[in-house]
Amino acid sequence: MTRILQNFDIHGFQEKLIGWYQTNKRNLPWRQDRDPYKVWVSEIMLQQTQVDTVIPYFQRFISKYPTLHDLAYADEQDVLKTWEGLGYYSRVRNLQNAAREVEASYGGEVPDDSKQLGKLKGIGPYTKGAILSIAFDQPEPAVDGNVMRVLSRVLKIEDDIAQPKVKKQFEGYARELISYDDPSSFNQGIMELGALVCMPKEPMCMFCPVQDHCRAFQEGTERELPVKSKAKKQKKIPYTVLLIRNENDEYLIEKRPENGLLANLWQFPMVPVAEIGNDHVVNWFEMEYGIDVELSDKQGDLKHVFSHIIWQLEIVAAKTSRKETEDDRVRFVSRDELETYPFPVSHQKMTRYIT
């Protein structure tokens, strides 16, 4: 670290970055004040999600749950429904669980202590640093992909940022570079720079406020950085999804397990054809849920991509003579009632096949 930062003008870098940010920062709803709760919500929403997508969700979420207390005591299904479409649902479940812990252990006040904050569910080093610096003006680094990209170019670091140990190194660099006078503007400035100027494939170096400090630009290697090894190929998993309607024009939906992918969301029943084969869909379903079904027409195909797997979904209409079920995992609901349940995006798209 000493070698990398040797002869680097830290004060000049801070001054130009912060000056640029204060002049050019976007007018985003979570920047209206420094409420730790709102900062926290925004940072959780912004994980793996573009700013333009987050804005309406943030406004709707804060309108419905304006305080940490409101979120802590809200019904989980309502919270999931409010989050519906934003994806990565473990984020909001962890957020609500952590809000409940803050309510119980810290009198409803988001802790400004690094250790206490870091122990809350769903708060990793980046989110912790963002909350402490933005809401509490503490000089804590907040290092995400944007920040690593900027620093890898500015400092000309050629280590693989996909490796956990390298991310820890970047946290060390950021800690050395951060402004103690204005850590909030420094951290938000470097994030903003990565989002607007120092972009992944086509960095706009001519508009960069810290161009004079950027070693990669001086050597013409800015497009070669950061170094990042490719992720493992996603596994493809085929399912048959059954749109099952009974004589009351009600549809069968099932609740996903409390843990794991898309926990506690609702969906149309999914049959794992990779395990049982296409010829055994009806038998498997009847044995699994005790409900008779008769397959009708294929409605379409859908692919949904997660970070680690790909769902390949064949959507098939089906009928049943049943009007109720004793299985707690499933229930019959009307077309209008479907709108009140939180569904993952892939299953929201299937409602176009329902009349």
Protein backbone atom coordinates (compact mmCIF):
# COMPACT_ATOMS: atom_id res chain seq x y z
CA MET A 1 0.00 0.00 0.00
CA THR A 2 2.84 2.36 0.83
CA ARG A 3 4.38 1.70 -2.59
CA ILE A 4 1.10 2.27 -4.45
CA LEU A 5 0.37 5.54 -2.66
CA GLN A 6 3.93 6.81 -2.82
CA ASN A 7 4.09 10.23 -4.55
CA PHE A 8 0.29 10.30 -4.93
CA ASP A 9 -1.22 13.72 -4.19
CA ILE A 10 -3.96 12.63 -1.78
CA HIS A 11 -5.04 16.15 -0.79
CA GLY A 12 -5.24 17.31 -4.41
CA PHE A 13 -7.26 14.22 -5.35
CA GLN A 14 -9.70 14.82 -2.49
CA GLU A 15 -10.11 18.50 -3.32
CA LYS A 16 -10.86 17.99 -7.03
CA LEU A 17 -13.17 15.00 -6.44
CA ILE A 18 -15.23 16.71 -3.74
CA GLY A 19 -15.41 19.98 -5.67
CA TRP A 20 -16.65 18.17 -8.77
CA TYR A 21 -19.23 16.19 -6.77
CA GLN A 22 -20.69 19.21 -5.04
CA THR A 23 -21.12 20.95 -8.39
CA ASN A 24 -22.31 17.98 -10.47
CA LYS A 25 -24.12 15.60 -8.12
CA ARG A 26 -27.46 14.29 -9.27
CA ASN A 27 -30.62 15.38 -7.46
CA LEU A 28 -31.61 12.00 -6.03
CA PRO A 29 -34.43 11.55 -3.48
CA TRP A 30 -32.22 9.92 -0.86
CA ARG A 31 -29.90 12.93 -0.94
CA GLN A 32 -32.58 15.32 0.35
CA ASP A 33 -31.40 14.78 3.92
CA ARG A 34 -29.03 12.60 5.89
CA ASP A 35 -31.60 10.51 7.69
CA PRO A 36 -29.67 7.28 8.49
CA TYR A 37 -32.77 5.17 7.84
CA LYS A 38 -33.28 6.63 4.35
CA VAL A 39 -29.58 6.32 3.55
CA TRP A 40 -29.74 2.69 4.65
CA VAL A 41 -32.84 1.92 2.54
CA SER A 42 -31.32 3.57 -0.54
CA GLU A 43 -28.03 1.71 -0.23
CA ILE A 44 -29.81 -1.64 0.11
CA MET A 45 -31.96 -0.90 -2.94
CA LEU A 46 -28.96 0.23 -4.99
CA GLN A 47 -27.19 -3.11 -4.57
CA GLN A 48 -27.19 -4.81 -7.99
CA THR A 49 -29.76 -2.27 -9.26
CA GLN A 50 -29.54 0.84 -11.45
CA VAL A 51 -30.31 4.27 -9.99
CA ASP A 52 -33.14 5.01 -12.44
CA THR A 53 -34.85 1.77 -11.46
CA VAL A 54 -34.46 2.45 -7.74
CA ILE A 55 -35.89 6.00 -7.67
CA PRO A 56 -39.64 5.14 -7.91
CA TYR A 57 -39.22 2.15 -5.60
CA PHE A 58 -37.45 4.29 -2.99
CA GLN A 59 -40.13 6.97 -3.14
CA ARG A 60 -42.93 4.41 -2.83
CA PHE A 61 -41.16 2.52 -0.03
CA ILE A 62 -40.44 5.64 2.05
CA SER A 63 -43.98 6.89 1.48
CA LYS A 64 -45.37 3.64 2.88
CA TYR A 65 -42.72 3.14 5.59
CA PRO A 66 -41.47 6.67 6.40
CA THR A 67 -39.65 5.64 9.58
CA LEU A 68 -37.68 2.66 10.78
CA HIS A 69 -40.47 2.01 13.29
CA ASP A 70 -43.01 1.73 10.45
CA LEU A 71 -40.86 -0.83 8.63
CA ALA A 72 -40.07 -2.84 11.77
CA TYR A 73 -43.75 -3.38 12.59
CA ALA A 74 -45.04 -3.85 9.04
CA ASP A 75 -46.41 -7.17 7.80
CA GLU A 76 -43.71 -9.03 5.89
CA GLN A 77 -46.02 -9.89 3.00
CA ASP A 78 -46.90 -6.21 2.58
CA VAL A 79 -43.21 -5.30 2.61
CA LEU A 80 -42.45 -7.94 -0.03
CA LYS A 81 -45.35 -6.66 -2.13
CA THR A 82 -43.96 -3.10 -1.93
CA TRP A 83 -40.55 -4.43 -3.02
CA GLU A 84 -42.11 -6.54 -5.82
CA GLY A 85 -40.22 -6.21 -9.09
CA LEU A 86 -37.01 -4.89 -7.57
CA GLY A 87 -35.56 -8.39 -7.19
CA TYR A 88 -32.99 -9.83 -4.79
CA TYR A 89 -35.70 -10.17 -2.15
CA SER A 90 -33.31 -11.31 0.58
CA ARG A 91 -32.27 -7.65 0.71
CA VAL A 92 -35.63 -6.45 2.00
CA ARG A 93 -36.12 -9.40 4.35
CA ASN A 94 -32.72 -8.68 5.92
CA LEU A 95 -33.55 -4.96 6.01
CA GLN A 96 -36.78 -5.55 7.90
CA ASN A 97 -35.17 -8.03 10.31
CA ALA A 98 -32.38 -5.55 11.00
CA ALA A 99 -34.92 -2.73 11.50
CA ARG A 100 -36.65 -4.88 14.11
CA GLU A 101 -33.34 -5.45 15.85
CA VAL A 102 -32.59 -1.71 15.85
CA GLU A 103 -36.05 -1.07 17.28
CA ALA A 104 -35.52 -3.67 20.02
CA SER A 105 -31.86 -3.06 20.88
CA TYR A 106 -31.16 0.58 20.05
CA GLY A 107 -34.44 2.35 20.76
CA GLY A 108 -35.23 2.70 17.06
CA GLU A 109 -32.09 4.76 16.36
CA VAL A 110 -29.70 3.48 13.69
CA PRO A 111 -26.41 2.96 15.57
CA ASP A 112 -23.45 5.13 14.60
CA ASP A 113 -21.01 2.61 16.03
CA SER A 114 -19.14 0.58 13.41
CA LYS A 115 -19.28 -2.72 15.31
CA GLN A 116 -22.96 -2.43 16.24
CA LEU A 117 -23.95 -1.42 12.72
CA GLY A 118 -21.86 -4.17 11.12
CA LYS A 119 -23.62 -6.86 13.16
CA LEU A 120 -27.04 -6.03 11.74
CA LYS A 121 -28.52 -8.44 9.19
CA GLY A 122 -27.62 -7.59 5.61
CA ILE A 123 -25.12 -4.85 6.40
CA GLY A 124 -21.70 -5.65 4.92
CA PRO A 125 -18.58 -3.46 4.83
CA TYR A 126 -19.82 -1.34 1.91
CA THR A 127 -23.26 -0.57 3.34
CA LYS A 128 -21.78 0.08 6.76
CA GLY A 129 -19.25 2.51 5.30
CA ALA A 130 -21.92 4.28 3.25
CA ILE A 131 -24.22 4.78 6.25
CA LEU A 132 -21.44 5.91 8.60
CA SER A 133 -19.93 8.35 6.10
CA ILE A 134 -23.09 9.77 4.52
CA ALA A 135 -25.40 9.87 7.55
CA PHE A 136 -22.87 10.34 10.36
CA ASP A 137 -19.92 12.00 8.57
CA GLN A 138 -17.48 9.36 9.77
CA PRO A 139 -14.36 8.69 7.62
CA GLU A 140 -15.29 5.08 6.79
CA PRO A 141 -14.57 3.69 3.30
CA ALA A 142 -17.47 2.39 1.19
CA VAL A 143 -16.04 0.19 -1.55
CA ASP A 144 -18.23 -1.32 -4.26
CA GLY A 145 -17.60 -2.15 -7.92
CA ASN A 146 -17.75 1.49 -9.01
CA VAL A 147 -15.19 2.51 -6.40
CA MET A 148 -12.83 -0.35 -7.25
CA ARG A 149 -13.03 0.56 -10.93
CA VAL A 150 -12.16 4.20 -10.24
CA LEU A 151 -9.33 3.41 -7.85
CA SER A 152 -7.89 0.66 -10.04
CA ARG A 153 -7.49 3.25 -12.81
CA VAL A 154 -6.44 6.20 -10.69
CA LEU A 155 -3.83 4.19 -8.79
CA LYS A 156 -3.10 1.74 -11.65
CA ILE A 157 -3.81 -1.39 -9.62
CA GLU A 158 -3.70 -4.55 -11.75
CA ASP A 159 -4.89 -7.11 -9.20
CA ASP A 160 -8.02 -9.17 -9.90
CA ILE A 161 -10.92 -7.35 -8.20
CA ALA A 162 -13.01 -10.56 -8.26
CA GLN A 163 -10.83 -11.94 -5.47
CA PRO A 164 -12.06 -11.20 -1.90
CA LYS A 165 -8.55 -10.44 -0.65
CA VAL A 166 -8.15 -7.78 -3.36
CA LYS A 167 -11.38 -6.07 -2.31
CA LYS A 168 -9.98 -5.88 1.22
CA GLN A 169 -6.92 -4.19 -0.24
CA PHE A 170 -9.11 -1.62 -1.98
CA GLU A 171 -10.83 -0.90 1.33
CA GLY A 172 -7.38 -0.12 2.68
CA TYR A 173 -6.60 2.24 -0.20
CA ALA A 174 -9.95 3.99 0.22
CA ARG A 175 -9.32 4.41 3.95
CA GLU A 176 -6.02 6.14 3.19
CA LEU A 177 -7.55 8.40 0.55
CA ILE A 178 -10.82 9.40 2.25
CA SER A 179 -11.30 12.98 3.35
CA TYR A 180 -11.63 13.44 7.09
CA ASP A 181 -13.11 16.91 6.52
CA ASP A 182 -15.94 15.72 4.27
CA PRO A 183 -16.11 11.91 4.13
CA SER A 184 -19.72 12.02 2.94
CA SER A 185 -18.92 14.01 -0.21
CA PHE A 186 -15.74 12.01 -0.80
CA ASN A 187 -17.51 8.62 -0.78
CA GLN A 188 -20.51 9.83 -2.76
CA GLY A 189 -18.18 11.65 -5.14
CA ILE A 190 -16.16 8.58 -6.01
CA MET A 191 -19.36 6.56 -6.48
CA GLU A 192 -20.81 9.31 -8.69
CA LEU A 193 -17.59 9.48 -10.70
CA GLY A 194 -17.80 5.75 -11.39
CA ALA A 195 -21.45 6.03 -12.39
CA LEU A 196 -21.22 9.08 -14.66
CA VAL A 197 -17.66 9.40 -15.97
CA CYS A 198 -15.33 6.51 -15.15
CA MET A 199 -17.66 3.93 -16.67
CA PRO A 200 -16.79 0.26 -17.32
CA LYS A 201 -16.25 0.10 -21.08
CA GLU A 202 -16.08 3.68 -22.30
CA PRO A 203 -14.62 5.94 -19.60
CA MET A 204 -15.11 9.60 -20.49
CA CYS A 205 -11.65 10.69 -19.43
CA MET A 206 -11.92 14.12 -21.06
CA PHE A 207 -14.62 15.03 -18.51
CA CYS A 208 -12.87 13.52 -15.48
CA PRO A 209 -12.11 15.97 -12.65
CA VAL A 210 -9.21 13.84 -11.40
CA GLN A 211 -7.65 13.14 -14.80
CA ASP A 212 -4.35 14.71 -13.71
CA HIS A 213 -4.17 12.19 -10.86
CA CYS A 214 -5.06 9.12 -12.94
CA ARG A 215 -2.06 6.91 -13.62
CA ALA A 216 -3.94 4.64 -16.04
CA PHE A 217 -4.99 7.64 -18.16
CA GLN A 218 -1.42 8.92 -18.23
CA GLU A 219 -0.26 5.53 -19.56
CA GLY A 220 -3.26 5.01 -21.86
CA THR A 221 -4.37 1.81 -20.09
CA GLU A 222 -7.68 2.99 -18.60
CA ARG A 223 -9.71 0.56 -20.77
CA GLU A 224 -7.63 -2.39 -19.58
CA LEU A 225 -8.58 -1.81 -15.95
CA PRO A 226 -9.92 -3.08 -13.68
CA VAL A 227 -8.75 -6.66 -14.05
CA LYS A 228 -11.65 -8.98 -13.28
CA SER A 229 -11.79 -12.74 -13.85
CA LYS A 230 -15.00 -14.15 -15.33
CA ALA A 231 -17.64 -15.62 -13.06
CA LYS A 232 -18.61 -19.27 -13.27
CA LYS A 233 -21.17 -20.16 -15.94
CA GLN A 234 -24.75 -20.13 -14.69
CA LYS A 235 -26.53 -23.45 -14.31
CA LYS A 236 -29.72 -23.86 -16.37
CA ILE A 237 -32.68 -25.43 -14.55
CA PRO A 238 -35.87 -26.38 -16.46
CA TYR A 239 -39.33 -26.20 -14.86
CA THR A 240 -42.89 -26.66 -15.99
CA VAL A 241 -45.09 -23.96 -14.48
CA LEU A 242 -48.77 -24.85 -14.09
CA LEU A 243 -51.46 -22.20 -14.38
CA ILE A 244 -54.15 -24.28 -12.64
CA ARG A 245 -57.75 -23.03 -12.70
CA ASN A 246 -60.74 -24.57 -10.95
CA GLU A 247 -64.47 -24.34 -11.73
CA ASN A 248 -64.77 -21.14 -9.66
CA ASP A 249 -62.28 -19.43 -11.97
CA GLU A 250 -59.73 -19.40 -9.16
CA TYR A 251 -56.03 -20.06 -9.67
CA LEU A 252 -53.72 -22.14 -7.54
CA ILE A 253 -50.66 -20.36 -6.15
CA GLU A 254 -47.99 -21.60 -3.79
CA LYS A 255 -45.79 -19.90 -1.22
CA ARG A 256 -42.06 -20.45 -1.51
CA PRO A 257 -40.13 -21.72 1.55
CA GLU A 258 -39.08 -19.35 4.33
CA ASN A 259 -35.41 -19.72 3.41
CA GLY A 260 -33.48 -19.64 0.18
CA LEU A 261 -34.15 -18.09 -3.20
CA LEU A 262 -37.22 -15.77 -3.32
CA ALA A 263 -38.19 -16.81 0.21
CA ASN A 264 -41.84 -16.24 1.22
CA LEU A 265 -42.87 -14.96 -2.21
CA TRP A 266 -45.82 -16.50 -4.05
CA GLN A 267 -45.72 -18.20 -7.44
CA PHE A 268 -47.65 -20.49 -9.74
CA PRO A 269 -46.68 -24.11 -9.01
CA MET A 270 -43.34 -25.12 -10.51
CA VAL A 271 -42.56 -28.74 -11.36
CA PRO A 272 -38.85 -29.68 -11.52
CA VAL A 273 -38.81 -31.53 -14.85
CA ALA A 274 -35.05 -32.03 -14.71
CA GLU A 275 -35.62 -34.36 -11.76
CA ILE A 276 -38.79 -36.16 -12.84
CA GLY A 277 -38.95 -35.85 -16.63
CA ASN A 278 -41.61 -34.25 -18.81
CA ASP A 279 -43.85 -37.33 -18.82
CA HIS A 280 -44.42 -37.32 -15.06
CA VAL A 281 -45.50 -33.74 -14.42
CA VAL A 282 -49.12 -34.61 -13.51
CA ASN A 283 -48.23 -37.57 -11.30
CA TRP A 284 -45.53 -35.61 -9.47
CA PHE A 285 -47.85 -32.70 -8.81
CA GLU A 286 -50.71 -34.88 -7.56
CA MET A 287 -48.37 -36.77 -5.23
CA GLU A 288 -46.71 -33.58 -3.98
CA TYR A 289 -49.88 -31.57 -3.29
CA GLY A 290 -52.73 -34.10 -3.34
CA ILE A 291 -54.54 -32.14 -6.07
CA ASP A 292 -55.74 -33.66 -9.34
CA VAL A 293 -54.81 -31.73 -12.46
CA GLU A 294 -55.47 -32.06 -16.15
CA LEU A 295 -52.99 -30.38 -18.47
CA SER A 296 -54.33 -28.16 -21.22
CA ASP A 297 -52.44 -26.00 -23.72
CA LYS A 298 -48.90 -24.73 -23.56
CA GLN A 299 -49.01 -20.96 -23.06
CA GLY A 300 -45.42 -20.01 -23.69
CA ASP A 301 -41.80 -20.15 -22.57
CA LEU A 302 -39.90 -17.81 -20.30
CA LYS A 303 -36.30 -17.50 -19.24
CA HIS A 304 -35.35 -15.79 -16.00
CA VAL A 305 -31.71 -15.11 -15.16
CA PHE A 306 -30.36 -14.99 -11.63
CA SER A 307 -26.74 -14.32 -10.71
CA HIS A 308 -25.95 -18.03 -10.34
CA ILE A 309 -28.72 -19.93 -12.16
CA ILE A 310 -31.11 -19.60 -15.09
CA TRP A 311 -34.71 -20.73 -14.87
CA GLN A 312 -36.06 -22.16 -18.14
CA LEU A 313 -39.82 -22.05 -17.68
CA GLU A 314 -42.41 -23.85 -19.81
CA ILE A 315 -45.82 -22.39 -18.97
CA VAL A 316 -48.79 -24.76 -19.26
CA ALA A 317 -52.47 -24.18 -18.54
CA ALA A 318 -54.21 -26.82 -16.41
CA LYS A 319 -57.58 -27.57 -14.82
CA THR A 320 -58.62 -29.14 -11.54
CA SER A 321 -61.89 -30.26 -9.99
CA ARG A 322 -60.71 -29.12 -6.56
CA LYS A 323 -62.10 -25.93 -5.01
CA GLU A 324 -60.01 -25.91 -1.84
CA THR A 325 -56.88 -27.47 -0.43
CA GLU A 326 -55.62 -28.61 2.94
CA ASP A 327 -51.97 -28.01 2.07
CA ASP A 328 -50.72 -24.81 3.74
CA ARG A 329 -48.25 -24.21 0.91
CA VAL A 330 -50.94 -23.59 -1.69
CA ARG A 331 -54.26 -21.79 -1.99
CA PHE A 332 -56.89 -20.90 -4.59
CA VAL A 333 -57.36 -17.19 -5.29
CA SER A 334 -59.36 -15.16 -7.78
CA ARG A 335 -57.83 -13.19 -10.63
CA ASP A 336 -58.30 -9.95 -8.70
CA GLU A 337 -56.80 -11.40 -5.52
CA LEU A 338 -53.62 -12.30 -7.41
CA GLU A 339 -52.79 -8.59 -7.45
CA THR A 340 -52.48 -8.52 -3.66
CA TYR A 341 -49.78 -11.18 -3.38
CA PRO A 342 -46.04 -10.54 -3.80
CA PHE A 343 -44.77 -12.42 -6.88
CA PRO A 344 -41.28 -12.57 -8.38
CA VAL A 345 -40.90 -10.85 -11.74
CA SER A 346 -40.89 -14.11 -13.71
CA HIS A 347 -44.32 -15.07 -12.35
CA GLN A 348 -45.74 -11.57 -12.66
CA LYS A 349 -45.13 -11.92 -16.40
CA MET A 350 -47.26 -15.06 -16.50
CA THR A 351 -50.42 -13.23 -15.50
CA ARG A 352 -50.85 -12.16 -19.13
CA TYR A 353 -51.92 -15.75 -19.82
CA ILE A 354 -54.70 -15.49 -17.23
CA THR A 355 -58.10 -14.18 -18.30
